[in-house]
């Protein structure tokens, strides 16, 4: 398919801040004012048609009204579920994710069991949406997780906190009780404004593209050798996963493609 163009009009200032551990595994391209090319179809054009390709995804929520809790999630079909506090199809056909405000509550979609793969397998998830009611301690909107035995945390967590996007990467053994991380600072974000998030698997790396009304970032993340034992078990997630205790975060998706 031909390349389509998403025009970004702002001067995009991008800063990277990492821990001293495993900095060589993270590379970030700073994008100046330019046309950002998205391979195949333009995600913005897809979203305008109301495309929601959830066929490979299950929904999960901690919402008590659905029978969930932080320690025991409830599951739902994101293709057919509607008119629920945690997941709704609004009058414009957009998908609305909400979760309770206590830390670790979530409503997310995740690739189904059996859809795991190595980062050498070509895979592409992208969506366009807006985030509202952002907790003071932030909310996660996308992840690369792993179903390997004993894994306790995601490889990558994309989150919004204090008006910015961040990408946090687990650098130590993911089966340990405590994690160590490297963090990339992404573009600024204003609550209620439109953003796009794209996560791809390619050549043993995870490629993360974020575009907001303030700027854009493109990051390439290579897992440390600590992940080698579970390197075929990665899967994708998107939705809201709160880190705070003061607001019920809300994500409205205009379109989703996988």
C-alpha atoms as a PDB file:
ATOM      1  CA  UNK A   1       0.000   0.000   0.000  1.00  0.00           C
ATOM      2  CA  UNK A   2       1.091   3.565  -0.520  1.00  0.00           C
ATOM      3  CA  UNK A   3       2.410   5.757   2.239  1.00  0.00           C
ATOM      4  CA  UNK A   4       0.019   8.301   3.658  1.00  0.00           C
ATOM      5  CA  UNK A   5       1.003  11.516   5.380  1.00  0.00           C
ATOM      6  CA  UNK A   6       0.087  12.779   8.846  1.00  0.00           C
ATOM      7  CA  UNK A   7       1.037  16.472   8.931  1.00  0.00           C
ATOM      8  CA  UNK A   8       2.482  17.789  12.175  1.00  0.00           C
ATOM      9  CA  UNK A   9       2.547  21.569  12.331  1.00  0.00           C
ATOM     10  CA  UNK A  10       4.206  22.261  15.662  1.00  0.00           C
ATOM     11  CA  UNK A  11       7.908  22.472  16.319  1.00  0.00           C
ATOM     12  CA  UNK A  12       8.490  19.221  18.164  1.00  0.00           C
ATOM     13  CA  UNK A  13      10.753  19.423  21.138  1.00  0.00           C
ATOM     14  CA  UNK A  14      11.719  16.062  22.525  1.00  0.00           C
ATOM     15  CA  UNK A  15      13.883  15.201  25.482  1.00  0.00           C
ATOM     16  CA  UNK A  16      15.143  11.837  26.651  1.00  0.00           C
ATOM     17  CA  UNK A  17      15.910  10.967  30.258  1.00  0.00           C
ATOM     18  CA  UNK A  18      17.135   7.502  31.141  1.00  0.00           C
ATOM     19  CA  UNK A  19      18.606   5.797  34.145  1.00  0.00           C
ATOM     20  CA  UNK A  20      22.284   4.976  33.811  1.00  0.00           C
ATOM     21  CA  UNK A  21      21.491   1.284  33.457  1.00  0.00           C
ATOM     22  CA  UNK A  22      21.300  -0.147  29.926  1.00  0.00           C
ATOM     23  CA  UNK A  23      21.026   3.210  28.176  1.00  0.00           C
ATOM     24  CA  UNK A  24      22.498   1.588  25.049  1.00  0.00           C
ATOM     25  CA  UNK A  25      19.285  -0.358  24.571  1.00  0.00           C
ATOM     26  CA  UNK A  26      17.211   2.757  23.929  1.00  0.00           C
ATOM     27  CA  UNK A  27      17.411   5.009  20.900  1.00  0.00           C
ATOM     28  CA  UNK A  28      15.204   7.976  20.205  1.00  0.00           C
ATOM     29  CA  UNK A  29      14.748   9.983  17.028  1.00  0.00           C
ATOM     30  CA  UNK A  30      13.845  13.636  17.534  1.00  0.00           C
ATOM     31  CA  UNK A  31      11.400  14.747  14.842  1.00  0.00           C
ATOM     32  CA  UNK A  32      11.499  18.425  13.775  1.00  0.00           C
ATOM     33  CA  UNK A  33       8.644  20.229  12.057  1.00  0.00           C
ATOM     34  CA  UNK A  34       7.922  17.944   9.117  1.00  0.00           C
ATOM     35  CA  UNK A  35       5.576  15.454   7.547  1.00  0.00           C
ATOM     36  CA  UNK A  36       5.521  12.217   9.516  1.00  0.00           C
ATOM     37  CA  UNK A  37       5.091   9.208   7.237  1.00  0.00           C
ATOM     38  CA  UNK A  38       3.024   6.299   8.514  1.00  0.00           C
ATOM     39  CA  UNK A  39       3.475   3.034   6.640  1.00  0.00           C
ATOM     40  CA  UNK A  40       0.532   1.570   4.757  1.00  0.00           C
ATOM     41  CA  UNK A  41      -2.620   3.488   5.686  1.00  0.00           C
ATOM     42  CA  UNK A  42      -2.753   6.708   7.668  1.00  0.00           C
ATOM     43  CA  UNK A  43      -4.077   5.869  11.146  1.00  0.00           C
ATOM     44  CA  UNK A  44      -5.946   9.167  11.265  1.00  0.00           C
ATOM     45  CA  UNK A  45      -7.806   8.238   8.072  1.00  0.00           C
ATOM     46  CA  UNK A  46      -8.613   4.802   9.479  1.00  0.00           C
ATOM     47  CA  UNK A  47      -9.943   6.328  12.670  1.00  0.00           C
ATOM     48  CA  UNK A  48     -12.240   8.654  10.784  1.00  0.00           C
ATOM     49  CA  UNK A  49     -14.021   5.595   9.397  1.00  0.00           C
ATOM     50  CA  UNK A  50     -14.587   4.188  12.892  1.00  0.00           C
ATOM     51  CA  UNK A  51     -12.454   1.116  12.312  1.00  0.00           C
ATOM     52  CA  UNK A  52     -12.023  -1.053  15.433  1.00  0.00           C
ATOM     53  CA  UNK A  53     -10.192  -4.302  14.742  1.00  0.00           C
ATOM     54  CA  UNK A  54     -10.475  -6.062  18.112  1.00  0.00           C
ATOM     55  CA  UNK A  55     -10.627  -9.600  16.672  1.00  0.00           C
ATOM     56  CA  UNK A  56      -7.337 -10.687  18.279  1.00  0.00           C
ATOM     57  CA  UNK A  57      -8.043  -8.997  21.629  1.00  0.00           C
ATOM     58  CA  UNK A  58      -9.826  -9.787  24.875  1.00  0.00           C
ATOM     59  CA  UNK A  59     -11.015  -7.129  27.314  1.00  0.00           C
ATOM     60  CA  UNK A  60     -10.250  -7.125  31.031  1.00  0.00           C
ATOM     61  CA  UNK A  61     -11.377  -4.852  33.841  1.00  0.00           C
ATOM     62  CA  UNK A  62     -11.065  -4.550  37.605  1.00  0.00           C
ATOM     63  CA  UNK A  63     -14.461  -2.853  37.845  1.00  0.00           C
ATOM     64  CA  UNK A  64     -16.407  -4.451  40.724  1.00  0.00           C
ATOM     65  CA  UNK A  65     -19.735  -4.056  38.916  1.00  0.00           C
ATOM     66  CA  UNK A  66     -18.432  -6.449  36.277  1.00  0.00           C
ATOM     67  CA  UNK A  67     -17.164  -8.890  38.883  1.00  0.00           C
ATOM     68  CA  UNK A  68     -13.566  -7.723  38.778  1.00  0.00           C
ATOM     69  CA  UNK A  69     -11.031  -6.586  41.349  1.00  0.00           C
ATOM     70  CA  UNK A  70      -7.372  -5.613  41.421  1.00  0.00           C
ATOM     71  CA  UNK A  71      -6.450  -9.177  42.306  1.00  0.00           C
ATOM     72  CA  UNK A  72      -9.012 -10.862  40.021  1.00  0.00           C
ATOM     73  CA  UNK A  73      -9.958  -9.258  36.721  1.00  0.00           C
ATOM     74  CA  UNK A  74     -13.250  -9.719  34.895  1.00  0.00           C
ATOM     75  CA  UNK A  75     -13.166 -10.335  31.147  1.00  0.00           C
ATOM     76  CA  UNK A  76     -15.322  -8.991  28.325  1.00  0.00           C
ATOM     77  CA  UNK A  77     -15.577  -9.039  24.544  1.00  0.00           C
ATOM     78  CA  UNK A  78     -14.493  -5.591  23.243  1.00  0.00           C
ATOM     79  CA  UNK A  79     -16.248  -6.206  19.936  1.00  0.00           C
ATOM     80  CA  UNK A  80     -19.717  -6.651  21.444  1.00  0.00           C
ATOM     81  CA  UNK A  81     -19.676  -4.983  24.899  1.00  0.00           C
ATOM     82  CA  UNK A  82     -21.587  -1.692  25.275  1.00  0.00           C
ATOM     83  CA  UNK A  83     -23.331   0.514  27.859  1.00  0.00           C
ATOM     84  CA  UNK A  84     -21.015  -0.388  30.741  1.00  0.00           C
ATOM     85  CA  UNK A  85     -19.211   1.957  33.129  1.00  0.00           C
ATOM     86  CA  UNK A  86     -15.872   0.450  32.155  1.00  0.00           C
ATOM     87  CA  UNK A  87     -16.476   0.122  28.376  1.00  0.00           C
ATOM     88  CA  UNK A  88     -18.999   1.912  26.208  1.00  0.00           C
ATOM     89  CA  UNK A  89     -19.729   2.663  22.567  1.00  0.00           C
ATOM     90  CA  UNK A  90     -20.736   6.330  22.590  1.00  0.00           C
ATOM     91  CA  UNK A  91     -23.199   8.060  20.268  1.00  0.00           C
ATOM     92  CA  UNK A  92     -20.401   8.714  17.746  1.00  0.00           C
ATOM     93  CA  UNK A  93     -19.391   5.051  17.636  1.00  0.00           C
ATOM     94  CA  UNK A  94     -16.176   5.654  19.581  1.00  0.00           C
ATOM     95  CA  UNK A  95     -14.988   3.184  22.237  1.00  0.00           C
ATOM     96  CA  UNK A  96     -14.708   4.599  25.746  1.00  0.00           C
ATOM     97  CA  UNK A  97     -12.505   2.923  28.388  1.00  0.00           C
ATOM     98  CA  UNK A  98     -12.835   3.879  32.072  1.00  0.00           C
ATOM     99  CA  UNK A  99     -11.556   2.459  35.338  1.00  0.00           C
ATOM    100  CA  UNK A 100     -11.825   3.255  39.030  1.00  0.00           C
ATOM    101  CA  UNK A 101      -9.385   5.672  40.594  1.00  0.00           C
ATOM    102  CA  UNK A 102      -7.521   3.414  43.028  1.00  0.00           C
ATOM    103  CA  UNK A 103      -3.968   2.548  41.926  1.00  0.00           C
ATOM    104  CA  UNK A 104      -3.709  -0.581  39.723  1.00  0.00           C
ATOM    105  CA  UNK A 105      -7.338  -0.462  38.561  1.00  0.00           C
ATOM    106  CA  UNK A 106      -7.645  -0.944  34.812  1.00  0.00           C
ATOM    107  CA  UNK A 107      -9.807  -1.502  31.774  1.00  0.00           C
ATOM    108  CA  UNK A 108      -7.723  -2.731  28.869  1.00  0.00           C
ATOM    109  CA  UNK A 109      -7.718  -4.835  25.755  1.00  0.00           C
ATOM    110  CA  UNK A 110      -4.930  -7.376  25.376  1.00  0.00           C
ATOM    111  CA  UNK A 111      -3.934  -9.847  22.705  1.00  0.00           C
ATOM    112  CA  UNK A 112      -5.558 -13.221  23.242  1.00  0.00           C
ATOM    113  CA  UNK A 113      -3.662 -16.179  24.658  1.00  0.00           C
ATOM    114  CA  UNK A 114      -1.861 -17.863  21.797  1.00  0.00           C
ATOM    115  CA  UNK A 115      -1.117 -14.569  20.004  1.00  0.00           C
ATOM    116  CA  UNK A 116       2.219 -14.072  21.770  1.00  0.00           C
ATOM    117  CA  UNK A 117       5.314 -13.688  19.622  1.00  0.00           C
ATOM    118  CA  UNK A 118       8.951 -12.694  19.538  1.00  0.00           C
ATOM    119  CA  UNK A 119       9.888  -9.127  18.684  1.00  0.00           C
ATOM    120  CA  UNK A 120      11.359 -10.530  15.453  1.00  0.00           C
ATOM    121  CA  UNK A 121       7.788 -11.258  14.297  1.00  0.00           C
ATOM    122  CA  UNK A 122       6.205  -8.363  12.425  1.00  0.00           C
ATOM    123  CA  UNK A 123       3.341  -6.934  14.492  1.00  0.00           C
ATOM    124  CA  UNK A 124       1.654  -3.528  14.503  1.00  0.00           C
ATOM    125  CA  UNK A 125      -0.908  -1.930  16.865  1.00  0.00           C
ATOM    126  CA  UNK A 126      -2.036   1.656  16.464  1.00  0.00           C
ATOM    127  CA  UNK A 127      -4.877   3.805  17.704  1.00  0.00           C
ATOM    128  CA  UNK A 128      -5.983   7.397  17.839  1.00  0.00           C
ATOM    129  CA  UNK A 129      -7.844   8.798  20.841  1.00  0.00           C
ATOM    130  CA  UNK A 130      -8.038  11.283  23.655  1.00  0.00           C
ATOM    131  CA  UNK A 131      -7.352  10.919  27.360  1.00  0.00           C
ATOM    132  CA  UNK A 132      -9.312  12.699  30.104  1.00  0.00           C
ATOM    133  CA  UNK A 133      -9.401  12.693  33.923  1.00  0.00           C
ATOM    134  CA  UNK A 134      -5.682  11.971  34.134  1.00  0.00           C
ATOM    135  CA  UNK A 135      -4.613  11.025  37.686  1.00  0.00           C
ATOM    136  CA  UNK A 136      -1.855  13.037  39.350  1.00  0.00           C
ATOM    137  CA  UNK A 137       0.417   9.976  39.340  1.00  0.00           C
ATOM    138  CA  UNK A 138      -0.385   9.113  35.742  1.00  0.00           C
ATOM    139  CA  UNK A 139      -2.178   6.492  33.667  1.00  0.00           C
ATOM    140  CA  UNK A 140      -0.848   3.814  31.316  1.00  0.00           C
ATOM    141  CA  UNK A 141      -2.342   3.735  27.810  1.00  0.00           C
ATOM    142  CA  UNK A 142      -0.281   1.035  26.053  1.00  0.00           C
ATOM    143  CA  UNK A 143       2.037  -1.853  26.910  1.00  0.00           C
ATOM    144  CA  UNK A 144       4.256  -4.575  25.535  1.00  0.00           C
ATOM    145  CA  UNK A 145       3.739  -7.319  28.107  1.00  0.00           C
ATOM    146  CA  UNK A 146       4.922 -10.931  28.304  1.00  0.00           C
ATOM    147  CA  UNK A 147       3.283 -14.252  29.212  1.00  0.00           C
ATOM    148  CA  UNK A 148       6.491 -16.060  30.062  1.00  0.00           C
ATOM    149  CA  UNK A 149       6.487 -18.116  33.257  1.00  0.00           C
ATOM    150  CA  UNK A 150       6.915 -15.942  36.330  1.00  0.00           C
ATOM    151  CA  UNK A 151       7.005 -12.590  34.497  1.00  0.00           C
ATOM    152  CA  UNK A 152       5.878  -9.835  36.890  1.00  0.00           C
ATOM    153  CA  UNK A 153       5.943  -6.662  34.756  1.00  0.00           C
ATOM    154  CA  UNK A 154       5.761  -5.444  31.168  1.00  0.00           C
ATOM    155  CA  UNK A 155       8.733  -4.870  28.922  1.00  0.00           C
ATOM    156  CA  UNK A 156       7.322  -1.455  27.942  1.00  0.00           C
ATOM    157  CA  UNK A 157       4.729   0.793  29.544  1.00  0.00           C
ATOM    158  CA  UNK A 158       3.560   3.936  27.706  1.00  0.00           C
ATOM    159  CA  UNK A 159       1.943   6.378  30.123  1.00  0.00           C
ATOM    160  CA  UNK A 160       0.878   9.992  30.616  1.00  0.00           C
ATOM    161  CA  UNK A 161       1.782  11.943  33.744  1.00  0.00           C
ATOM    162  CA  UNK A 162       1.921  15.676  34.522  1.00  0.00           C
ATOM    163  CA  UNK A 163       1.309  16.737  30.936  1.00  0.00           C
ATOM    164  CA  UNK A 164       3.808  14.452  29.195  1.00  0.00           C
ATOM    165  CA  UNK A 165       4.049  11.050  27.589  1.00  0.00           C
ATOM    166  CA  UNK A 166       6.663   8.625  28.907  1.00  0.00           C
ATOM    167  CA  UNK A 167       7.956   5.214  27.864  1.00  0.00           C
ATOM    168  CA  UNK A 168       9.235   3.059  30.718  1.00  0.00           C
ATOM    169  CA  UNK A 169      11.250  -0.086  29.940  1.00  0.00           C
ATOM    170  CA  UNK A 170      12.049  -2.907  32.367  1.00  0.00           C
ATOM    171  CA  UNK A 171      15.789  -3.607  32.209  1.00  0.00           C
ATOM    172  CA  UNK A 172      16.324  -6.308  34.846  1.00  0.00           C
ATOM    173  CA  UNK A 173      15.028  -9.886  35.038  1.00  0.00           C
ATOM    174  CA  UNK A 174      11.216  -9.544  34.771  1.00  0.00           C
ATOM    175  CA  UNK A 175      10.629 -12.489  37.121  1.00  0.00           C
ATOM    176  CA  UNK A 176      12.213 -10.680  40.069  1.00  0.00           C
ATOM    177  CA  UNK A 177      10.035  -9.065  42.727  1.00  0.00           C
ATOM    178  CA  UNK A 178      11.475  -5.581  42.141  1.00  0.00           C
ATOM    179  CA  UNK A 179      12.017  -3.938  38.777  1.00  0.00           C
ATOM    180  CA  UNK A 180      14.674  -1.583  37.423  1.00  0.00           C
ATOM    181  CA  UNK A 181      13.821   0.713  34.542  1.00  0.00           C
ATOM    182  CA  UNK A 182      14.935   3.147  31.883  1.00  0.00           C
ATOM    183  CA  UNK A 183      12.545   5.972  30.994  1.00  0.00           C
ATOM    184  CA  UNK A 184      12.187   8.032  27.827  1.00  0.00           C
ATOM    185  CA  UNK A 185      10.390  11.372  27.993  1.00  0.00           C
ATOM    186  CA  UNK A 186       8.002  11.860  25.081  1.00  0.00           C
ATOM    187  CA  UNK A 187       5.958  14.780  23.756  1.00  0.00           C
ATOM    188  CA  UNK A 188       3.786  17.070  25.847  1.00  0.00           C
ATOM    189  CA  UNK A 189       0.137  16.157  26.182  1.00  0.00           C
ATOM    190  CA  UNK A 190      -2.932  18.243  27.045  1.00  0.00           C
ATOM    191  CA  UNK A 191      -5.875  16.425  28.619  1.00  0.00           C
ATOM    192  CA  UNK A 192      -8.729  16.006  26.155  1.00  0.00           C
ATOM    193  CA  UNK A 193      -6.598  16.537  23.057  1.00  0.00           C
ATOM    194  CA  UNK A 194      -6.034  14.009  20.291  1.00  0.00           C
ATOM    195  CA  UNK A 195      -3.015  11.694  20.201  1.00  0.00           C
ATOM    196  CA  UNK A 196      -1.879   8.653  18.240  1.00  0.00           C
ATOM    197  CA  UNK A 197       0.038   5.706  19.652  1.00  0.00           C
ATOM    198  CA  UNK A 198       1.666   3.084  17.479  1.00  0.00           C
ATOM    199  CA  UNK A 199       3.651   0.077  18.760  1.00  0.00           C
ATOM    200  CA  UNK A 200       5.386  -2.298  16.349  1.00  0.00           C
ATOM    201  CA  UNK A 201       7.531  -5.423  16.623  1.00  0.00           C
ATOM    202  CA  UNK A 202      10.367  -5.530  14.104  1.00  0.00           C
ATOM    203  CA  UNK A 203      13.834  -7.090  13.929  1.00  0.00           C
ATOM    204  CA  UNK A 204      13.958  -7.932  17.635  1.00  0.00           C
ATOM    205  CA  UNK A 205      12.965  -4.413  18.696  1.00  0.00           C
ATOM    206  CA  UNK A 206       9.819  -2.637  19.822  1.00  0.00           C
ATOM    207  CA  UNK A 207       9.178   0.601  17.916  1.00  0.00           C
ATOM    208  CA  UNK A 208       7.026   3.186  19.694  1.00  0.00           C
ATOM    209  CA  UNK A 209       5.626   6.239  17.887  1.00  0.00           C
ATOM    210  CA  UNK A 210       3.651   8.901  19.757  1.00  0.00           C
ATOM    211  CA  UNK A 211       2.079  11.978  18.161  1.00  0.00           C
ATOM    212  CA  UNK A 212       0.247  14.697  20.095  1.00  0.00           C
ATOM    213  CA  UNK A 213      -0.877  18.220  19.249  1.00  0.00           C
ATOM    214  CA  UNK A 214       2.428  19.426  20.766  1.00  0.00           C
ATOM    215  CA  UNK A 215       4.933  17.132  19.073  1.00  0.00           C
ATOM    216  CA  UNK A 216       5.997  13.651  18.101  1.00  0.00           C
ATOM    217  CA  UNK A 217       8.532  11.004  19.106  1.00  0.00           C
ATOM    218  CA  UNK A 218       9.898   7.801  17.595  1.00  0.00           C
ATOM    219  CA  UNK A 219      11.714   5.359  19.889  1.00  0.00           C
ATOM    220  CA  UNK A 220      13.394   2.002  19.291  1.00  0.00           C
ATOM    221  CA  UNK A 221      13.673  -0.263  22.321  1.00  0.00           C
ATOM    222  CA  UNK A 222      15.772  -3.427  22.447  1.00  0.00           C
ATOM    223  CA  UNK A 223      15.229  -5.771  25.408  1.00  0.00           C
ATOM    224  CA  UNK A 224      18.223  -6.468  27.599  1.00  0.00           C
ATOM    225  CA  UNK A 225      19.514 -10.077  27.739  1.00  0.00           C
ATOM    226  CA  UNK A 226      17.489 -10.459  30.959  1.00  0.00           C
ATOM    227  CA  UNK A 227      14.456 -11.069  28.710  1.00  0.00           C
ATOM    228  CA  UNK A 228      16.039 -13.816  26.599  1.00  0.00           C
ATOM    229  CA  UNK A 229      14.346 -16.655  28.470  1.00  0.00           C
ATOM    230  CA  UNK A 230      10.866 -15.370  27.540  1.00  0.00           C
ATOM    231  CA  UNK A 231      11.661 -13.724  24.202  1.00  0.00           C
ATOM    232  CA  UNK A 232       8.854 -15.506  22.282  1.00  0.00           C
ATOM    233  CA  UNK A 233       6.059 -14.526  24.698  1.00  0.00           C
ATOM    234  CA  UNK A 234       5.424 -10.813  24.039  1.00  0.00           C
ATOM    235  CA  UNK A 235       1.910  -9.455  23.529  1.00  0.00           C
ATOM    236  CA  UNK A 236       0.237  -6.036  23.179  1.00  0.00           C
ATOM    237  CA  UNK A 237      -2.155  -4.138  25.446  1.00  0.00           C
ATOM    238  CA  UNK A 238      -4.025  -0.817  25.291  1.00  0.00           C
ATOM    239  CA  UNK A 239      -6.545   1.021  27.473  1.00  0.00           C
ATOM    240  CA  UNK A 240      -6.359   2.698  30.888  1.00  0.00           C
ATOM    241  CA  UNK A 241      -4.335   1.406  33.847  1.00  0.00           C
ATOM    242  CA  UNK A 242      -4.198   3.960  36.651  1.00  0.00           C
ATOM    243  CA  UNK A 243      -1.209   4.795  38.803  1.00  0.00           C
ATOM    244  CA  UNK A 244      -3.120   7.336  40.905  1.00  0.00           C
ATOM    245  CA  UNK A 245      -5.875   7.449  43.500  1.00  0.00           C
ATOM    246  CA  UNK A 246      -7.647  10.737  42.730  1.00  0.00           C
ATOM    247  CA  UNK A 247      -9.540  10.363  39.395  1.00  0.00           C
ATOM    248  CA  UNK A 248     -11.333   7.797  37.238  1.00  0.00           C
ATOM    249  CA  UNK A 249      -9.270   7.967  34.004  1.00  0.00           C
ATOM    250  CA  UNK A 250     -11.105   7.908  30.681  1.00  0.00           C
ATOM    251  CA  UNK A 251      -9.751   7.001  27.235  1.00  0.00           C
ATOM    252  CA  UNK A 252     -11.875   7.557  24.136  1.00  0.00           C
ATOM    253  CA  UNK A 253     -10.637   5.652  21.082  1.00  0.00           C
ATOM    254  CA  UNK A 254     -11.613   7.074  17.693  1.00  0.00           C
ATOM    255  CA  UNK A 255     -10.131   4.124  15.836  1.00  0.00           C
ATOM    256  CA  UNK A 256      -7.968   1.066  16.474  1.00  0.00           C
ATOM    257  CA  UNK A 257      -6.102  -1.127  14.042  1.00  0.00           C
ATOM    258  CA  UNK A 258      -4.000  -4.220  14.532  1.00  0.00           C
END
